[in-house]
């Protein structure tokens, strides 16, 4: 059975591959977080402002993911949020251990995990909302591009 050269980029049915688009959405979300949240982190010194800016970037990444896949599937947004959370928490803790980033839990007593309870919920909500909205938009755009029956076909 012969394979085409773009099998890695597309799934079996000719649609974009979930994993390829998920990694691209993750990269876009992380870059957006650096662009939007980096200056606020440097100027204000608060991890919260960077985290909130990251939610906007994550919504954009989720929107990209949903639009590219053309389906409003909340699970795709949840996968994106899970990967994003893993990367950003690793960066926060490694950065604070290296004394390059401020403490992610400034002034909180040991055991108070408000930041790490609220922030993942906001990420999940943002990524899922972006993925669903992008999927609805992508589906609507794909339906418009699909040609209808031709007059010569006796529609």
Foldseek 3Di string as FASTA:
>chain_A
DDDDPCPVQPDPVRAGDLVVLLVVLLVQLVVQLCVQQVVCCVPVVAVVRSLVSSLVSLLQSLLSSLLRRLALDLVSLQVSLVVNVVVVVVCQVVCVVVVNGDNNDPPDDPPDPPVVVVSSVSSSVSNSNSNNVSNPVNNVVVVVPDDDDDVVVVD
